[in-house]
Amino acid sequence: MSTQSDEDKLTMPTQISLELSDDGTIWIACDEETDVAAEGETRQEALAMLDDAVAAYRGEAGREPTNEELRDIGIEPEANTSGDLADILK
């Protein structure tokens, strides 16, 4: 029998819908509270992806990249400015 940590209980969706795509190839999971959705090739993969997506939506996952990580993908942090955000991103 597995148990969930208190942290897992906070990030996992509590009411979800889970359905197979029309062509039968992709499972789609949606958290009913936040309307966040994810997909996967299996039910388990879709649910795991949904857990990650909901945690990110709630600000409970992820982190800012380090300057070294930015440089590794070709972004120079000191020279990178984004200016004003588009309204949709605010």
PDB file of N, CA and C in Angstrom:
ATOM      1  N   MET A   1       0.831  -1.174   0.000  1.00  0.00           N
ATOM      2  CA  MET A   1       0.000   0.000   0.000  1.00  0.00           C
ATOM      3  C   MET A   1       0.880   1.243   0.000  1.00  0.00           C
ATOM      4  N   SER A   2       0.660   2.143  -0.950  1.00  0.00           N
ATOM      5  CA  SER A   2       1.459   3.356  -0.995  1.00  0.00           C
ATOM      6  C   SER A   2       0.702   4.494  -0.321  1.00  0.00           C
ATOM      7  N   THR A   3       1.471   5.407   0.224  1.00  0.00           N
ATOM      8  CA  THR A   3       0.861   6.571   0.861  1.00  0.00           C
ATOM      9  C   THR A   3       1.395   7.819   0.180  1.00  0.00           C
ATOM     10  N   GLN A   4       0.623   8.871   0.217  1.00  0.00           N
ATOM     11  CA  GLN A   4       1.025  10.133  -0.378  1.00  0.00           C
ATOM     12  C   GLN A   4       1.550  11.051   0.708  1.00  0.00           C
ATOM     13  N   SER A   5       2.571  11.815   0.365  1.00  0.00           N
ATOM     14  CA  SER A   5       3.057  12.813   1.309  1.00  0.00           C
ATOM     15  C   SER A   5       2.078  13.981   1.333  1.00  0.00           C
ATOM     16  N   ASP A   6       2.193  14.812   2.369  1.00  0.00           N
ATOM     17  CA  ASP A   6       1.337  15.999   2.453  1.00  0.00           C
ATOM     18  C   ASP A   6       1.545  16.893   1.239  1.00  0.00           C
ATOM     19  N   GLU A   7       2.788  16.981   0.745  1.00  0.00           N
ATOM     20  CA  GLU A   7       3.089  17.807  -0.424  1.00  0.00           C
ATOM     21  C   GLU A   7       2.351  17.278  -1.653  1.00  0.00           C
ATOM     22  N   ASP A   8       2.337  15.958  -1.853  1.00  0.00           N
ATOM     23  CA  ASP A   8       1.633  15.376  -2.989  1.00  0.00           C
ATOM     24  C   ASP A   8       0.145  15.668  -2.919  1.00  0.00           C
ATOM     25  N   LYS A   9      -0.426  15.620  -1.737  1.00  0.00           N
ATOM     26  CA  LYS A   9      -1.860  15.867  -1.580  1.00  0.00           C
ATOM     27  C   LYS A   9      -2.223  17.293  -1.972  1.00  0.00           C
ATOM     28  N   LEU A  10      -1.300  18.243  -1.761  1.00  0.00           N
ATOM     29  CA  LEU A  10      -1.576  19.631  -2.090  1.00  0.00           C
ATOM     30  C   LEU A  10      -1.541  19.887  -3.589  1.00  0.00           C
ATOM     31  N   THR A  11      -0.704  19.184  -4.326  1.00  0.00           N
ATOM     32  CA  THR A  11      -0.532  19.488  -5.736  1.00  0.00           C
ATOM     33  C   THR A  11      -1.407  18.637  -6.650  1.00  0.00           C
ATOM     34  N   MET A  12      -1.866  17.511  -6.197  1.00  0.00           N
ATOM     35  CA  MET A  12      -2.625  16.628  -7.066  1.00  0.00           C
ATOM     36  C   MET A  12      -4.064  17.106  -7.225  1.00  0.00           C
ATOM     37  N   PRO A  13      -4.588  17.042  -8.448  1.00  0.00           N
ATOM     38  CA  PRO A  13      -5.992  17.408  -8.660  1.00  0.00           C
ATOM     39  C   PRO A  13      -6.913  16.500  -7.854  1.00  0.00           C
ATOM     40  N   THR A  14      -8.058  17.030  -7.448  1.00  0.00           N
ATOM     41  CA  THR A  14      -8.991  16.219  -6.664  1.00  0.00           C
ATOM     42  C   THR A  14     -10.182  15.753  -7.472  1.00  0.00           C
ATOM     43  N   GLN A  15     -10.584  16.511  -8.491  1.00  0.00           N
ATOM     44  CA  GLN A  15     -11.656  16.082  -9.388  1.00  0.00           C
ATOM     45  C   GLN A  15     -11.152  16.194 -10.808  1.00  0.00           C
ATOM     46  N   ILE A  16     -11.144  15.080 -11.514  1.00  0.00           N
ATOM     47  CA  ILE A  16     -10.624  15.081 -12.873  1.00  0.00           C
ATOM     48  C   ILE A  16     -11.600  14.410 -13.824  1.00  0.00           C
ATOM     49  N   SER A  17     -11.455  14.746 -15.090  1.00  0.00           N
ATOM     50  CA  SER A  17     -12.104  13.974 -16.143  1.00  0.00           C
ATOM     51  C   SER A  17     -10.981  13.298 -16.915  1.00  0.00           C
ATOM     52  N   LEU A  18     -11.241  12.115 -17.390  1.00  0.00           N
ATOM     53  CA  LEU A  18     -10.249  11.341 -18.125  1.00  0.00           C
ATOM     54  C   LEU A  18     -10.952  10.684 -19.290  1.00  0.00           C
ATOM     55  N   GLU A  19     -10.485  10.980 -20.490  1.00  0.00           N
ATOM     56  CA  GLU A  19     -11.146  10.401 -21.653  1.00  0.00           C
ATOM     57  C   GLU A  19     -10.132  10.082 -22.746  1.00  0.00           C
ATOM     58  N   LEU A  20     -10.511   9.150 -23.587  1.00  0.00           N
ATOM     59  CA  LEU A  20      -9.697   8.746 -24.724  1.00  0.00           C
ATOM     60  C   LEU A  20     -10.057   9.627 -25.911  1.00  0.00           C
ATOM     61  N   SER A  21      -9.051  10.067 -26.660  1.00  0.00           N
ATOM     62  CA  SER A  21      -9.300  10.912 -27.828  1.00  0.00           C
ATOM     63  C   SER A  21     -10.167  10.181 -28.850  1.00  0.00           C
ATOM     64  N   ASP A  22     -10.766  10.942 -29.758  1.00  0.00           N
ATOM     65  CA  ASP A  22     -11.654  10.367 -30.766  1.00  0.00           C
ATOM     66  C   ASP A  22     -10.972   9.274 -31.590  1.00  0.00           C
ATOM     67  N   ASP A  23      -9.678   9.460 -31.876  1.00  0.00           N
ATOM     68  CA  ASP A  23      -8.986   8.450 -32.680  1.00  0.00           C
ATOM     69  C   ASP A  23      -8.404   7.313 -31.836  1.00  0.00           C
ATOM     70  N   GLY A  24      -8.596   7.384 -30.518  1.00  0.00           N
ATOM     71  CA  GLY A  24      -8.185   6.300 -29.629  1.00  0.00           C
ATOM     72  C   GLY A  24      -6.698   6.206 -29.364  1.00  0.00           C
ATOM     73  N   THR A  25      -5.949   7.277 -29.629  1.00  0.00           N
ATOM     74  CA  THR A  25      -4.498   7.197 -29.452  1.00  0.00           C
ATOM     75  C   THR A  25      -3.960   7.958 -28.247  1.00  0.00           C
ATOM     76  N   ILE A  26      -4.718   8.922 -27.730  1.00  0.00           N
ATOM     77  CA  ILE A  26      -4.238   9.788 -26.649  1.00  0.00           C
ATOM     78  C   ILE A  26      -5.273   9.854 -25.535  1.00  0.00           C
ATOM     79  N   TRP A  27      -4.790   9.764 -24.297  1.00  0.00           N
ATOM     80  CA  TRP A  27      -5.648   9.970 -23.128  1.00  0.00           C
ATOM     81  C   TRP A  27      -5.550  11.435 -22.725  1.00  0.00           C
ATOM     82  N   ILE A  28      -6.681  12.043 -22.397  1.00  0.00           N
ATOM     83  CA  ILE A  28      -6.743  13.444 -22.005  1.00  0.00           C
ATOM     84  C   ILE A  28      -7.299  13.520 -20.589  1.00  0.00           C
ATOM     85  N   ALA A  29      -6.530  14.146 -19.709  1.00  0.00           N
ATOM     86  CA  ALA A  29      -6.949  14.324 -18.317  1.00  0.00           C
ATOM     87  C   ALA A  29      -7.122  15.813 -18.064  1.00  0.00           C
ATOM     88  N   CYS A  30      -8.187  16.180 -17.359  1.00  0.00           N
ATOM     89  CA  CYS A  30      -8.454  17.594 -17.067  1.00  0.00           C
ATOM     90  C   CYS A  30      -8.813  17.741 -15.596  1.00  0.00           C
ATOM     91  N   ASP A  31      -8.171  18.701 -14.931  1.00  0.00           N
ATOM     92  CA  ASP A  31      -8.504  19.046 -13.553  1.00  0.00           C
ATOM     93  C   ASP A  31      -9.719  19.966 -13.602  1.00  0.00           C
ATOM     94  N   GLU A  32     -10.825  19.527 -13.044  1.00  0.00           N
ATOM     95  CA  GLU A  32     -12.080  20.267 -13.130  1.00  0.00           C
ATOM     96  C   GLU A  32     -12.025  21.602 -12.381  1.00  0.00           C
ATOM     97  N   GLU A  33     -11.251  21.701 -11.333  1.00  0.00           N
ATOM     98  CA  GLU A  33     -11.174  22.934 -10.541  1.00  0.00           C
ATOM     99  C   GLU A  33     -10.444  24.046 -11.282  1.00  0.00           C
ATOM    100  N   THR A  34      -9.341  23.716 -11.937  1.00  0.00           N
ATOM    101  CA  THR A  34      -8.507  24.730 -12.581  1.00  0.00           C
ATOM    102  C   THR A  34      -8.661  24.775 -14.096  1.00  0.00           C
ATOM    103  N   ASP A  35      -9.305  23.785 -14.680  1.00  0.00           N
ATOM    104  CA  ASP A  35      -9.409  23.625 -16.134  1.00  0.00           C
ATOM    105  C   ASP A  35      -8.060  23.388 -16.792  1.00  0.00           C
ATOM    106  N   VAL A  36      -7.080  22.948 -16.038  1.00  0.00           N
ATOM    107  CA  VAL A  36      -5.783  22.574 -16.598  1.00  0.00           C
ATOM    108  C   VAL A  36      -5.923  21.176 -17.175  1.00  0.00           C
ATOM    109  N   ALA A  37      -5.358  20.971 -18.365  1.00  0.00           N
ATOM    110  CA  ALA A  37      -5.451  19.669 -19.023  1.00  0.00           C
ATOM    111  C   ALA A  37      -4.065  19.177 -19.419  1.00  0.00           C
ATOM    112  N   ALA A  38      -3.953  17.871 -19.558  1.00  0.00           N
ATOM    113  CA  ALA A  38      -2.714  17.240 -20.010  1.00  0.00           C
ATOM    114  C   ALA A  38      -3.083  15.978 -20.771  1.00  0.00           C
ATOM    115  N   GLU A  39      -2.125  15.469 -21.516  1.00  0.00           N
ATOM    116  CA  GLU A  39      -2.392  14.258 -22.282  1.00  0.00           C
ATOM    117  C   GLU A  39      -1.212  13.309 -22.189  1.00  0.00           C
ATOM    118  N   GLY A  40      -1.490  12.054 -22.526  1.00  0.00           N
ATOM    119  CA  GLY A  40      -0.447  11.042 -22.530  1.00  0.00           C
ATOM    120  C   GLY A  40      -0.880   9.852 -23.356  1.00  0.00           C
ATOM    121  N   GLU A  41       0.076   9.002 -23.684  1.00  0.00           N
ATOM    122  CA  GLU A  41      -0.222   7.814 -24.476  1.00  0.00           C
ATOM    123  C   GLU A  41      -0.947   6.748 -23.667  1.00  0.00           C
ATOM    124  N   THR A  42      -0.823   6.833 -22.343  1.00  0.00           N
ATOM    125  CA  THR A  42      -1.533   5.904 -21.457  1.00  0.00           C
ATOM    126  C   THR A  42      -2.304   6.724 -20.427  1.00  0.00           C
ATOM    127  N   ARG A  43      -3.243   6.071 -19.751  1.00  0.00           N
ATOM    128  CA  ARG A  43      -3.984   6.759 -18.686  1.00  0.00           C
ATOM    129  C   ARG A  43      -3.025   7.234 -17.608  1.00  0.00           C
ATOM    130  N   GLN A  44      -2.103   6.367 -17.223  1.00  0.00           N
ATOM    131  CA  GLN A  44      -1.162   6.709 -16.158  1.00  0.00           C
ATOM    132  C   GLN A  44      -0.290   7.898 -16.546  1.00  0.00           C
ATOM    133  N   GLU A  45       0.151   7.924 -17.818  1.00  0.00           N
ATOM    134  CA  GLU A  45       0.985   9.034 -18.275  1.00  0.00           C
ATOM    135  C   GLU A  45       0.190  10.340 -18.281  1.00  0.00           C
ATOM    136  N   ALA A  46      -1.053  10.300 -18.739  1.00  0.00           N
ATOM    137  CA  ALA A  46      -1.890  11.500 -18.751  1.00  0.00           C
ATOM    138  C   ALA A  46      -2.109  12.023 -17.337  1.00  0.00           C
ATOM    139  N   LEU A  47      -2.353  11.134 -16.387  1.00  0.00           N
ATOM    140  CA  LEU A  47      -2.568  11.554 -15.002  1.00  0.00           C
ATOM    141  C   LEU A  47      -1.299  12.129 -14.386  1.00  0.00           C
ATOM    142  N   ALA A  48      -0.154  11.521 -14.676  1.00  0.00           N
ATOM    143  CA  ALA A  48       1.114  12.032 -14.156  1.00  0.00           C
ATOM    144  C   ALA A  48       1.417  13.409 -14.743  1.00  0.00           C
ATOM    145  N   MET A  49       1.155  13.574 -16.033  1.00  0.00           N
ATOM    146  CA  MET A  49       1.375  14.865 -16.677  1.00  0.00           C
ATOM    147  C   MET A  49       0.428  15.918 -16.091  1.00  0.00           C
ATOM    148  N   LEU A  50      -0.796  15.511 -15.782  1.00  0.00           N
ATOM    149  CA  LEU A  50      -1.757  16.429 -15.183  1.00  0.00           C
ATOM    150  C   LEU A  50      -1.289  16.878 -13.801  1.00  0.00           C
ATOM    151  N   ASP A  51      -0.782  15.952 -13.006  1.00  0.00           N
ATOM    152  CA  ASP A  51      -0.256  16.321 -11.686  1.00  0.00           C
ATOM    153  C   ASP A  51       0.821  17.396 -11.826  1.00  0.00           C
ATOM    154  N   ASP A  52       1.740  17.208 -12.771  1.00  0.00           N
ATOM    155  CA  ASP A  52       2.816  18.178 -12.987  1.00  0.00           C
ATOM    156  C   ASP A  52       2.261  19.520 -13.465  1.00  0.00           C
ATOM    157  N   ALA A  53       1.308  19.482 -14.384  1.00  0.00           N
ATOM    158  CA  ALA A  53       0.740  20.712 -14.937  1.00  0.00           C
ATOM    159  C   ALA A  53      -0.016  21.508 -13.877  1.00  0.00           C
ATOM    160  N   VAL A  54      -0.778  20.825 -13.035  1.00  0.00           N
ATOM    161  CA  VAL A  54      -1.524  21.513 -11.978  1.00  0.00           C
ATOM    162  C   VAL A  54      -0.560  22.110 -10.957  1.00  0.00           C
ATOM    163  N   ALA A  55       0.489  21.389 -10.617  1.00  0.00           N
ATOM    164  CA  ALA A  55       1.480  21.921  -9.679  1.00  0.00           C
ATOM    165  C   ALA A  55       2.130  23.180 -10.244  1.00  0.00           C
ATOM    166  N   ALA A  56       2.451  23.172 -11.528  1.00  0.00           N
ATOM    167  CA  ALA A  56       3.039  24.357 -12.156  1.00  0.00           C
ATOM    168  C   ALA A  56       2.027  25.503 -12.185  1.00  0.00           C
ATOM    169  N   TYR A  57       0.786  25.204 -12.498  1.00  0.00           N
ATOM    170  CA  TYR A  57      -0.276  26.219 -12.542  1.00  0.00           C
ATOM    171  C   TYR A  57      -0.425  26.892 -11.179  1.00  0.00           C
ATOM    172  N   ARG A  58      -0.314  26.120 -10.134  1.00  0.00           N
ATOM    173  CA  ARG A  58      -0.474  26.648  -8.775  1.00  0.00           C
ATOM    174  C   ARG A  58       0.812  27.259  -8.225  1.00  0.00           C
ATOM    175  N   GLY A  59       1.873  27.233  -8.996  1.00  0.00           N
ATOM    176  CA  GLY A  59       3.142  27.797  -8.542  1.00  0.00           C
ATOM    177  C   GLY A  59       3.868  26.907  -7.564  1.00  0.00           C
ATOM    178  N   GLU A  60       3.555  25.638  -7.548  1.00  0.00           N
ATOM    179  CA  GLU A  60       4.149  24.704  -6.599  1.00  0.00           C
ATOM    180  C   GLU A  60       5.265  23.877  -7.229  1.00  0.00           C
ATOM    181  N   ALA A  61       5.588  24.157  -8.476  1.00  0.00           N
ATOM    182  CA  ALA A  61       6.634  23.405  -9.169  1.00  0.00           C
ATOM    183  C   ALA A  61       7.405  24.345 -10.069  1.00  0.00           C
ATOM    184  N   GLY A  62       8.536  23.905 -10.474  1.00  0.00           N
ATOM    185  CA  GLY A  62       9.353  24.699 -11.381  1.00  0.00           C
ATOM    186  C   GLY A  62      10.254  25.660 -10.630  1.00  0.00           C
ATOM    187  N   ARG A  63      11.151  26.262 -11.366  1.00  0.00           N
ATOM    188  CA  ARG A  63      12.079  27.234 -10.792  1.00  0.00           C
ATOM    189  C   ARG A  63      12.632  28.083 -11.923  1.00  0.00           C
ATOM    190  N   GLU A  64      13.194  29.207 -11.572  1.00  0.00           N
ATOM    191  CA  GLU A  64      13.854  30.063 -12.545  1.00  0.00           C
ATOM    192  C   GLU A  64      15.128  29.363 -13.017  1.00  0.00           C
ATOM    193  N   PRO A  65      15.447  29.439 -14.296  1.00  0.00           N
ATOM    194  CA  PRO A  65      16.700  28.829 -14.761  1.00  0.00           C
ATOM    195  C   PRO A  65      17.892  29.624 -14.244  1.00  0.00           C
ATOM    196  N   THR A  66      18.993  28.929 -14.064  1.00  0.00           N
ATOM    197  CA  THR A  66      20.216  29.604 -13.644  1.00  0.00           C
ATOM    198  C   THR A  66      20.831  30.297 -14.860  1.00  0.00           C
ATOM    199  N   ASN A  67      21.729  31.245 -14.604  1.00  0.00           N
ATOM    200  CA  ASN A  67      22.429  31.908 -15.706  1.00  0.00           C
ATOM    201  C   ASN A  67      23.196  30.909 -16.550  1.00  0.00           C
ATOM    202  N   GLU A  68      23.792  29.912 -15.917  1.00  0.00           N
ATOM    203  CA  GLU A  68      24.531  28.881 -16.649  1.00  0.00           C
ATOM    204  C   GLU A  68      23.600  28.087 -17.569  1.00  0.00           C
ATOM    205  N   GLU A  69      22.421  27.751 -17.077  1.00  0.00           N
ATOM    206  CA  GLU A  69      21.459  27.023 -17.910  1.00  0.00           C
ATOM    207  C   GLU A  69      21.021  27.871 -19.102  1.00  0.00           C
ATOM    208  N   LEU A  70      20.825  29.163 -18.876  1.00  0.00           N
ATOM    209  CA  LEU A  70      20.463  30.051 -19.978  1.00  0.00           C
ATOM    210  C   LEU A  70      21.572  30.115 -21.022  1.00  0.00           C
ATOM    211  N   ARG A  71      22.809  30.252 -20.563  1.00  0.00           N
ATOM    212  CA  ARG A  71      23.937  30.293 -21.501  1.00  0.00           C
ATOM    213  C   ARG A  71      24.050  28.994 -22.288  1.00  0.00           C
ATOM    214  N   ASP A  72      23.770  27.856 -21.631  1.00  0.00           N
ATOM    215  CA  ASP A  72      23.847  26.558 -22.308  1.00  0.00           C
ATOM    216  C   ASP A  72      22.895  26.457 -23.499  1.00  0.00           C
ATOM    217  N   ILE A  73      21.800  27.218 -23.459  1.00  0.00           N
ATOM    218  CA  ILE A  73      20.849  27.171 -24.576  1.00  0.00           C
ATOM    219  C   ILE A  73      20.954  28.417 -25.462  1.00  0.00           C
ATOM    220  N   GLY A  74      22.043  29.175 -25.275  1.00  0.00           N
ATOM    221  CA  GLY A  74      22.318  30.287 -26.173  1.00  0.00           C
ATOM    222  C   GLY A  74      21.739  31.623 -25.787  1.00  0.00           C
ATOM    223  N   ILE A  75      21.350  31.791 -24.524  1.00  0.00           N
ATOM    224  CA  ILE A  75      20.817  33.075 -24.061  1.00  0.00           C
ATOM    225  C   ILE A  75      21.836  33.713 -23.132  1.00  0.00           C
ATOM    226  N   GLU A  76      22.215  34.944 -23.418  1.00  0.00           N
ATOM    227  CA  GLU A  76      23.133  35.679 -22.546  1.00  0.00           C
ATOM    228  C   GLU A  76      22.284  36.469 -21.551  1.00  0.00           C
ATOM    229  N   PRO A  77      22.258  36.061 -20.269  1.00  0.00           N
ATOM    230  CA  PRO A  77      21.358  36.680 -19.283  1.00  0.00           C
ATOM    231  C   PRO A  77      21.493  38.196 -19.166  1.00  0.00           C
ATOM    232  N   GLU A  78      22.725  38.712 -19.177  1.00  0.00           N
ATOM    233  CA  GLU A  78      22.913  40.149 -18.996  1.00  0.00           C
ATOM    234  C   GLU A  78      22.400  40.954 -20.192  1.00  0.00           C
ATOM    235  N   ALA A  79      22.380  40.359 -21.370  1.00  0.00           N
ATOM    236  CA  ALA A  79      21.951  41.064 -22.575  1.00  0.00           C
ATOM    237  C   ALA A  79      20.490  40.783 -22.913  1.00  0.00           C
ATOM    238  N   ASN A  80      19.852  39.930 -22.162  1.00  0.00           N
ATOM    239  CA  ASN A  80      18.489  39.515 -22.474  1.00  0.00           C
ATOM    240  C   ASN A  80      17.492  40.402 -21.742  1.00  0.00           C
ATOM    241  N   THR A  81      16.701  41.128 -22.507  1.00  0.00           N
ATOM    242  CA  THR A  81      15.620  41.912 -21.929  1.00  0.00           C
ATOM    243  C   THR A  81      14.351  41.596 -22.713  1.00  0.00           C
ATOM    244  N   SER A  82      13.280  41.479 -22.015  1.00  0.00           N
ATOM    245  CA  SER A  82      12.041  41.136 -22.690  1.00  0.00           C
ATOM    246  C   SER A  82      11.118  42.334 -22.862  1.00  0.00           C
ATOM    247  N   GLY A  83      11.373  43.429 -22.171  1.00  0.00           N
ATOM    248  CA  GLY A  83      10.503  44.591 -22.288  1.00  0.00           C
ATOM    249  C   GLY A  83       9.159  44.318 -21.659  1.00  0.00           C
ATOM    250  N   ASP A  84       8.147  44.986 -22.157  1.00  0.00           N
ATOM    251  CA  ASP A  84       6.789  44.817 -21.623  1.00  0.00           C
ATOM    252  C   ASP A  84       6.221  43.483 -22.044  1.00  0.00           C
ATOM    253  N   LEU A  85       5.491  42.877 -21.123  1.00  0.00           N
ATOM    254  CA  LEU A  85       4.816  41.622 -21.436  1.00  0.00           C
ATOM    255  C   LEU A  85       3.558  41.903 -22.245  1.00  0.00           C
ATOM    256  N   ALA A  86       3.243  40.977 -23.134  1.00  0.00           N
ATOM    257  CA  ALA A  86       1.978  41.073 -23.843  1.00  0.00           C
ATOM    258  C   ALA A  86       0.834  40.955 -22.819  1.00  0.00           C
ATOM    259  N   ASP A  87      -0.293  41.571 -23.106  1.00  0.00           N
ATOM    260  CA  ASP A  87      -1.408  41.559 -22.160  1.00  0.00           C
ATOM    261  C   ASP A  87      -1.787  40.151 -21.725  1.00  0.00           C
ATOM    262  N   ILE A  88      -1.729  39.206 -22.635  1.00  0.00           N
ATOM    263  CA  ILE A  88      -2.111  37.835 -22.305  1.00  0.00           C
ATOM    264  C   ILE A  88      -1.184  37.202 -21.279  1.00  0.00           C
ATOM    265  N   LEU A  89       0.050  37.705 -21.185  1.00  0.00           N
ATOM    266  CA  LEU A  89       1.023  37.147 -20.249  1.00  0.00           C
ATOM    267  C   LEU A  89       1.031  37.843 -18.895  1.00  0.00           C
ATOM    268  N   LYS A  90       0.258  38.890 -18.755  1.00  0.00           N
ATOM    269  CA  LYS A  90       0.232  39.642 -17.485  1.00  0.00           C
ATOM    270  C   LYS A  90      -0.712  38.998 -16.509  1.00  0.00           C
TER     271      LYS A  90
END
